[in-house]
Amino acid sequence: MLYTAIKHLHMLAAVISILGFIARGALRFQGSALLEKKAVKILPHINDTILLLCGFTLAAMIGAQSGGHTWLAAKLVALVLYILLGMVTLKWAPNHTVRAISFTAAILVFGYIMMVARTKMAFPF
């Protein structure tokens, strides 16, 4: 029961994370001043902290430290890539083209993370 509740909270936080990223990406493309609002800066960090804490808790509950969970390692590597691409999109992109490429790539990486989570396979294709 506890595992299921944490898993569902993790899934909800993941959906909120990608929707928030897409919204903030759209605001960045428009050059909106809304990105400078305190809530827009803080809320994603709160949600992503919940997402990570749930993920680490779930990993501990399934005994990920004992090995044999290559899919989980793949998710973590992809998560780092997703974060870096998000930072390029929202902060570091020197121009619109780089921003568009990193934005699209981040969404694709997120899709990969979802497929890995669903199939429990590092190569879900």
N, C-alpha and C. Protein backbone atom coordinates (compact mmCIF):
# COMPACT_ATOMS: atom_id res chain seq x y z
N MET A 1 0.82 -1.19 0.00
CA MET A 1 0.00 0.00 0.00
C MET A 1 0.87 1.26 0.00
N LEU A 2 1.87 1.31 0.88
CA LEU A 2 2.76 2.47 0.95
C LEU A 2 3.53 2.62 -0.36
N TYR A 3 4.00 1.50 -0.90
CA TYR A 3 4.74 1.53 -2.17
C TYR A 3 3.87 2.15 -3.26
N THR A 4 2.63 1.72 -3.34
CA THR A 4 1.72 2.23 -4.37
C THR A 4 1.48 3.73 -4.21
N ALA A 5 1.30 4.18 -2.99
CA ALA A 5 1.07 5.61 -2.74
C ALA A 5 2.29 6.43 -3.16
N ILE A 6 3.48 5.97 -2.81
CA ILE A 6 4.70 6.69 -3.18
C ILE A 6 4.89 6.67 -4.69
N LYS A 7 4.60 5.53 -5.30
CA LYS A 7 4.72 5.41 -6.76
C LYS A 7 3.78 6.39 -7.46
N HIS A 8 2.55 6.49 -6.97
CA HIS A 8 1.59 7.41 -7.60
C HIS A 8 1.99 8.87 -7.38
N LEU A 9 2.53 9.20 -6.22
CA LEU A 9 3.02 10.55 -5.98
C LEU A 9 4.20 10.85 -6.91
N HIS A 10 5.07 9.87 -7.10
CA HIS A 10 6.21 10.00 -8.02
C HIS A 10 5.71 10.26 -9.45
N MET A 11 4.72 9.50 -9.87
CA MET A 11 4.17 9.66 -11.22
C MET A 11 3.51 11.03 -11.39
N LEU A 12 2.77 11.47 -10.38
CA LEU A 12 2.13 12.78 -10.43
C LEU A 12 3.18 13.89 -10.51
N ALA A 13 4.22 13.77 -9.70
CA ALA A 13 5.29 14.78 -9.71
C ALA A 13 5.99 14.79 -11.07
N ALA A 14 6.13 13.63 -11.71
CA ALA A 14 6.76 13.56 -13.03
C ALA A 14 5.91 14.30 -14.07
N VAL A 15 4.61 14.09 -14.02
CA VAL A 15 3.70 14.77 -14.96
C VAL A 15 3.75 16.29 -14.73
N ILE A 16 3.71 16.70 -13.47
CA ILE A 16 3.80 18.12 -13.15
C ILE A 16 5.13 18.69 -13.63
N SER A 17 6.20 17.92 -13.48
CA SER A 17 7.53 18.37 -13.89
C SER A 17 7.59 18.64 -15.39
N ILE A 18 7.11 17.71 -16.20
CA ILE A 18 7.21 17.90 -17.66
C ILE A 18 6.26 19.00 -18.12
N LEU A 19 5.07 19.07 -17.54
CA LEU A 19 4.14 20.14 -17.92
C LEU A 19 4.71 21.50 -17.54
N GLY A 20 5.33 21.57 -16.37
CA GLY A 20 5.97 22.82 -15.95
C GLY A 20 7.13 23.19 -16.85
N PHE A 21 7.91 22.19 -17.25
CA PHE A 21 9.03 22.46 -18.15
C PHE A 21 8.53 22.98 -19.49
N ILE A 22 7.50 22.35 -20.02
CA ILE A 22 6.94 22.80 -21.31
C ILE A 22 6.42 24.23 -21.18
N ALA A 23 5.72 24.51 -20.09
CA ALA A 23 5.19 25.87 -19.88
C ALA A 23 6.32 26.89 -19.76
N ARG A 24 7.35 26.56 -18.96
CA ARG A 24 8.47 27.50 -18.80
C ARG A 24 9.25 27.64 -20.11
N GLY A 25 9.35 26.55 -20.86
CA GLY A 25 10.01 26.63 -22.17
C GLY A 25 9.26 27.57 -23.10
N ALA A 26 7.93 27.44 -23.11
CA ALA A 26 7.11 28.32 -23.95
C ALA A 26 7.28 29.78 -23.52
N LEU A 27 7.32 30.01 -22.23
CA LEU A 27 7.53 31.38 -21.74
C LEU A 27 8.90 31.91 -22.15
N ARG A 28 9.91 31.04 -22.12
CA ARG A 28 11.27 31.45 -22.52
C ARG A 28 11.28 31.80 -24.01
N PHE A 29 10.62 30.99 -24.84
CA PHE A 29 10.57 31.29 -26.28
C PHE A 29 9.89 32.63 -26.54
N GLN A 30 8.91 32.98 -25.72
CA GLN A 30 8.19 34.24 -25.89
C GLN A 30 8.92 35.41 -25.25
N GLY A 31 9.95 35.13 -24.48
CA GLY A 31 10.67 36.19 -23.79
C GLY A 31 9.84 36.80 -22.66
N SER A 32 8.99 36.00 -22.06
CA SER A 32 8.07 36.49 -21.04
C SER A 32 8.77 36.84 -19.73
N ALA A 33 8.32 37.92 -19.13
CA ALA A 33 8.84 38.33 -17.82
C ALA A 33 8.29 37.45 -16.70
N LEU A 34 7.29 36.63 -16.99
CA LEU A 34 6.74 35.73 -15.97
C LEU A 34 7.80 34.78 -15.42
N LEU A 35 8.81 34.48 -16.22
CA LEU A 35 9.88 33.59 -15.76
C LEU A 35 10.65 34.17 -14.58
N GLU A 36 10.55 35.46 -14.39
CA GLU A 36 11.27 36.11 -13.29
C GLU A 36 10.46 36.13 -11.99
N LYS A 37 9.21 35.69 -12.05
CA LYS A 37 8.38 35.65 -10.85
C LYS A 37 8.92 34.60 -9.88
N LYS A 38 8.86 34.93 -8.61
CA LYS A 38 9.43 34.06 -7.58
C LYS A 38 8.80 32.66 -7.60
N ALA A 39 7.49 32.59 -7.72
CA ALA A 39 6.80 31.29 -7.72
C ALA A 39 7.24 30.43 -8.90
N VAL A 40 7.41 31.05 -10.06
CA VAL A 40 7.83 30.31 -11.25
C VAL A 40 9.24 29.76 -11.08
N LYS A 41 10.03 30.43 -10.29
CA LYS A 41 11.40 29.97 -10.04
C LYS A 41 11.46 28.90 -8.94
N ILE A 42 10.60 29.01 -7.94
CA ILE A 42 10.70 28.13 -6.77
C ILE A 42 9.87 26.85 -6.90
N LEU A 43 8.65 26.94 -7.41
CA LEU A 43 7.77 25.78 -7.46
C LEU A 43 8.35 24.58 -8.20
N PRO A 44 9.04 24.77 -9.34
CA PRO A 44 9.63 23.59 -10.00
C PRO A 44 10.64 22.86 -9.11
N HIS A 45 11.38 23.60 -8.31
CA HIS A 45 12.37 22.97 -7.43
C HIS A 45 11.68 22.16 -6.33
N ILE A 46 10.58 22.67 -5.83
CA ILE A 46 9.83 21.94 -4.80
C ILE A 46 9.28 20.65 -5.39
N ASN A 47 8.66 20.75 -6.56
CA ASN A 47 8.11 19.57 -7.21
C ASN A 47 9.21 18.56 -7.54
N ASP A 48 10.31 19.03 -8.09
CA ASP A 48 11.38 18.11 -8.47
C ASP A 48 12.04 17.47 -7.26
N THR A 49 12.05 18.16 -6.13
CA THR A 49 12.55 17.56 -4.89
C THR A 49 11.64 16.42 -4.46
N ILE A 50 10.34 16.64 -4.54
CA ILE A 50 9.37 15.58 -4.23
C ILE A 50 9.58 14.40 -5.18
N LEU A 51 9.74 14.70 -6.46
CA LEU A 51 9.97 13.67 -7.47
C LEU A 51 11.20 12.83 -7.13
N LEU A 52 12.31 13.49 -6.82
CA LEU A 52 13.54 12.78 -6.49
C LEU A 52 13.43 11.98 -5.19
N LEU A 53 12.85 12.57 -4.17
CA LEU A 53 12.70 11.85 -2.90
C LEU A 53 11.84 10.61 -3.06
N CYS A 54 10.77 10.73 -3.82
CA CYS A 54 9.93 9.56 -4.09
C CYS A 54 10.71 8.51 -4.88
N GLY A 55 11.47 8.96 -5.87
CA GLY A 55 12.26 8.03 -6.68
C GLY A 55 13.29 7.29 -5.86
N PHE A 56 14.01 8.00 -5.00
CA PHE A 56 15.00 7.35 -4.14
C PHE A 56 14.33 6.39 -3.15
N THR A 57 13.18 6.79 -2.64
CA THR A 57 12.44 5.93 -1.71
C THR A 57 11.99 4.65 -2.41
N LEU A 58 11.45 4.79 -3.61
CA LEU A 58 11.03 3.61 -4.37
C LEU A 58 12.21 2.71 -4.69
N ALA A 59 13.33 3.31 -5.07
CA ALA A 59 14.53 2.52 -5.37
C ALA A 59 14.98 1.74 -4.14
N ALA A 60 14.94 2.37 -2.99
CA ALA A 60 15.31 1.68 -1.75
C ALA A 60 14.32 0.56 -1.43
N MET A 61 13.05 0.81 -1.71
CA MET A 61 12.03 -0.19 -1.41
C MET A 61 12.16 -1.43 -2.28
N ILE A 62 12.64 -1.27 -3.52
CA ILE A 62 12.80 -2.44 -4.39
C ILE A 62 14.19 -3.05 -4.26
N GLY A 63 15.01 -2.48 -3.40
CA GLY A 63 16.34 -3.03 -3.18
C GLY A 63 17.30 -2.74 -4.31
N ALA A 64 17.25 -1.53 -4.84
CA ALA A 64 18.09 -1.17 -5.99
C ALA A 64 19.57 -1.21 -5.67
N GLN A 65 19.95 -1.07 -4.41
CA GLN A 65 21.36 -1.06 -4.07
C GLN A 65 22.00 -2.43 -4.27
N SER A 66 21.19 -3.48 -4.39
CA SER A 66 21.74 -4.82 -4.57
C SER A 66 22.12 -5.11 -6.02
N GLY A 67 21.86 -4.19 -6.92
CA GLY A 67 22.20 -4.36 -8.33
C GLY A 67 21.11 -5.11 -9.08
N GLY A 68 21.35 -5.36 -10.36
CA GLY A 68 20.37 -6.06 -11.17
C GLY A 68 19.26 -5.17 -11.69
N HIS A 69 19.36 -3.89 -11.48
CA HIS A 69 18.33 -2.96 -11.94
C HIS A 69 18.95 -1.98 -12.94
N THR A 70 19.39 -2.50 -14.08
CA THR A 70 20.03 -1.62 -15.07
C THR A 70 19.06 -0.57 -15.58
N TRP A 71 17.78 -0.89 -15.59
CA TRP A 71 16.79 0.09 -16.03
C TRP A 71 16.79 1.32 -15.13
N LEU A 72 17.01 1.10 -13.84
CA LEU A 72 17.04 2.21 -12.90
C LEU A 72 18.26 3.09 -13.13
N ALA A 73 19.39 2.46 -13.40
CA ALA A 73 20.60 3.23 -13.72
C ALA A 73 20.39 4.03 -15.00
N ALA A 74 19.71 3.43 -15.98
CA ALA A 74 19.41 4.13 -17.24
C ALA A 74 18.53 5.34 -16.98
N LYS A 75 17.55 5.19 -16.08
CA LYS A 75 16.69 6.33 -15.73
C LYS A 75 17.49 7.45 -15.10
N LEU A 76 18.41 7.11 -14.23
CA LEU A 76 19.22 8.14 -13.55
C LEU A 76 20.13 8.88 -14.53
N VAL A 77 20.75 8.15 -15.44
CA VAL A 77 21.60 8.79 -16.45
C VAL A 77 20.74 9.70 -17.33
N ALA A 78 19.58 9.20 -17.74
CA ALA A 78 18.68 10.01 -18.57
C ALA A 78 18.17 11.23 -17.80
N LEU A 79 17.95 11.07 -16.51
CA LEU A 79 17.51 12.20 -15.69
C LEU A 79 18.55 13.32 -15.68
N VAL A 80 19.81 12.95 -15.54
CA VAL A 80 20.88 13.95 -15.57
C VAL A 80 20.88 14.66 -16.92
N LEU A 81 20.73 13.89 -18.00
CA LEU A 81 20.68 14.49 -19.34
C LEU A 81 19.48 15.42 -19.48
N TYR A 82 18.33 14.99 -18.98
CA TYR A 82 17.11 15.82 -19.02
C TYR A 82 17.33 17.14 -18.28
N ILE A 83 17.96 17.07 -17.12
CA ILE A 83 18.23 18.28 -16.33
C ILE A 83 19.16 19.22 -17.10
N LEU A 84 20.22 18.66 -17.67
CA LEU A 84 21.18 19.49 -18.42
C LEU A 84 20.52 20.13 -19.64
N LEU A 85 19.72 19.36 -20.37
CA LEU A 85 19.02 19.92 -21.53
C LEU A 85 18.03 21.00 -21.09
N GLY A 86 17.38 20.79 -19.96
CA GLY A 86 16.47 21.80 -19.42
C GLY A 86 17.20 23.08 -19.08
N MET A 87 18.39 22.94 -18.52
CA MET A 87 19.18 24.13 -18.18
C MET A 87 19.62 24.88 -19.44
N VAL A 88 19.96 24.13 -20.48
CA VAL A 88 20.31 24.78 -21.75
C VAL A 88 19.08 25.54 -22.26
N THR A 89 17.94 24.87 -22.26
CA THR A 89 16.71 25.48 -22.76
C THR A 89 16.34 26.75 -22.00
N LEU A 90 16.37 26.68 -20.69
CA LEU A 90 15.85 27.77 -19.88
C LEU A 90 16.87 28.83 -19.51
N LYS A 91 18.17 28.51 -19.59
CA LYS A 91 19.17 29.48 -19.11
C LYS A 91 20.34 29.70 -20.06
N TRP A 92 20.92 28.64 -20.58
CA TRP A 92 22.22 28.76 -21.23
C TRP A 92 22.19 28.90 -22.75
N ALA A 93 21.08 28.64 -23.39
CA ALA A 93 21.05 28.65 -24.86
C ALA A 93 21.46 30.02 -25.40
N PRO A 94 22.44 30.05 -26.29
CA PRO A 94 22.90 31.33 -26.83
C PRO A 94 21.96 31.92 -27.89
N ASN A 95 21.08 31.06 -28.44
CA ASN A 95 20.16 31.55 -29.47
C ASN A 95 18.91 30.67 -29.52
N HIS A 96 17.97 31.09 -30.35
CA HIS A 96 16.68 30.41 -30.46
C HIS A 96 16.84 28.99 -30.99
N THR A 97 17.74 28.78 -31.93
CA THR A 97 17.92 27.46 -32.52
C THR A 97 18.41 26.45 -31.48
N VAL A 98 19.42 26.82 -30.73
CA VAL A 98 19.93 25.93 -29.68
C VAL A 98 18.84 25.67 -28.64
N ARG A 99 18.09 26.70 -28.31
CA ARG A 99 17.00 26.55 -27.34
C ARG A 99 15.95 25.57 -27.87
N ALA A 100 15.59 25.68 -29.12
CA ALA A 100 14.58 24.78 -29.70
C ALA A 100 15.08 23.34 -29.74
N ILE A 101 16.33 23.15 -30.09
CA ILE A 101 16.90 21.80 -30.15
C ILE A 101 16.96 21.19 -28.75
N SER A 102 17.44 21.94 -27.78
CA SER A 102 17.54 21.40 -26.42
C SER A 102 16.16 21.16 -25.81
N PHE A 103 15.20 22.02 -26.12
CA PHE A 103 13.83 21.85 -25.64
C PHE A 103 13.24 20.54 -26.17
N THR A 104 13.38 20.33 -27.47
CA THR A 104 12.87 19.11 -28.09
C THR A 104 13.58 17.88 -27.55
N ALA A 105 14.90 17.96 -27.44
CA ALA A 105 15.68 16.83 -26.92
C ALA A 105 15.28 16.51 -25.48
N ALA A 106 15.05 17.52 -24.67
CA ALA A 106 14.65 17.29 -23.27
C ALA A 106 13.32 16.55 -23.21
N ILE A 107 12.38 16.93 -24.05
CA ILE A 107 11.08 16.25 -24.07
C ILE A 107 11.24 14.80 -24.53
N LEU A 108 12.09 14.57 -25.52
CA LEU A 108 12.34 13.20 -25.98
C LEU A 108 13.00 12.37 -24.88
N VAL A 109 13.95 12.94 -24.18
CA VAL A 109 14.61 12.23 -23.07
C VAL A 109 13.59 11.92 -21.98
N PHE A 110 12.71 12.85 -21.69
CA PHE A 110 11.66 12.59 -20.70
C PHE A 110 10.79 11.42 -21.15
N GLY A 111 10.45 11.39 -22.44
CA GLY A 111 9.68 10.26 -22.98
C GLY A 111 10.41 8.94 -22.79
N TYR A 112 11.72 8.96 -23.02
CA TYR A 112 12.53 7.76 -22.79
C TYR A 112 12.46 7.34 -21.33
N ILE A 113 12.58 8.29 -20.42
CA ILE A 113 12.50 7.98 -18.99
C ILE A 113 11.16 7.32 -18.66
N MET A 114 10.08 7.82 -19.25
CA MET A 114 8.76 7.24 -19.01
C MET A 114 8.68 5.82 -19.54
N MET A 115 9.25 5.58 -20.73
CA MET A 115 9.23 4.23 -21.30
C MET A 115 10.03 3.26 -20.44
N VAL A 116 11.18 3.71 -19.96
CA VAL A 116 12.00 2.86 -19.09
C VAL A 116 11.25 2.54 -17.81
N ALA A 117 10.60 3.54 -17.23
CA ALA A 117 9.84 3.33 -16.00
C ALA A 117 8.72 2.32 -16.22
N ARG A 118 8.07 2.41 -17.35
CA ARG A 118 6.94 1.53 -17.64
C ARG A 118 7.36 0.10 -17.93
N THR A 119 8.44 -0.05 -18.71
CA THR A 119 8.86 -1.39 -19.15
C THR A 119 9.88 -2.05 -18.22
N LYS A 120 10.55 -1.25 -17.38
CA LYS A 120 11.65 -1.73 -16.53
C LYS A 120 12.78 -2.32 -17.38
N MET A 121 12.97 -1.71 -18.56
CA MET A 121 14.04 -2.12 -19.48
C MET A 121 14.83 -0.88 -19.88
N ALA A 122 16.17 -1.00 -19.88
CA ALA A 122 17.02 0.14 -20.24
C ALA A 122 16.86 0.51 -21.71
N PHE A 123 16.53 -0.46 -22.55
CA PHE A 123 16.31 -0.22 -23.98
C PHE A 123 14.89 -0.64 -24.32
N PRO A 124 13.92 0.24 -24.09
CA PRO A 124 12.51 -0.13 -24.23
C PRO A 124 11.97 -0.07 -25.65
N PHE A 125 12.83 0.13 -26.63
CA PHE A 125 12.36 0.33 -28.01
C PHE A 125 12.11 -0.98 -28.72
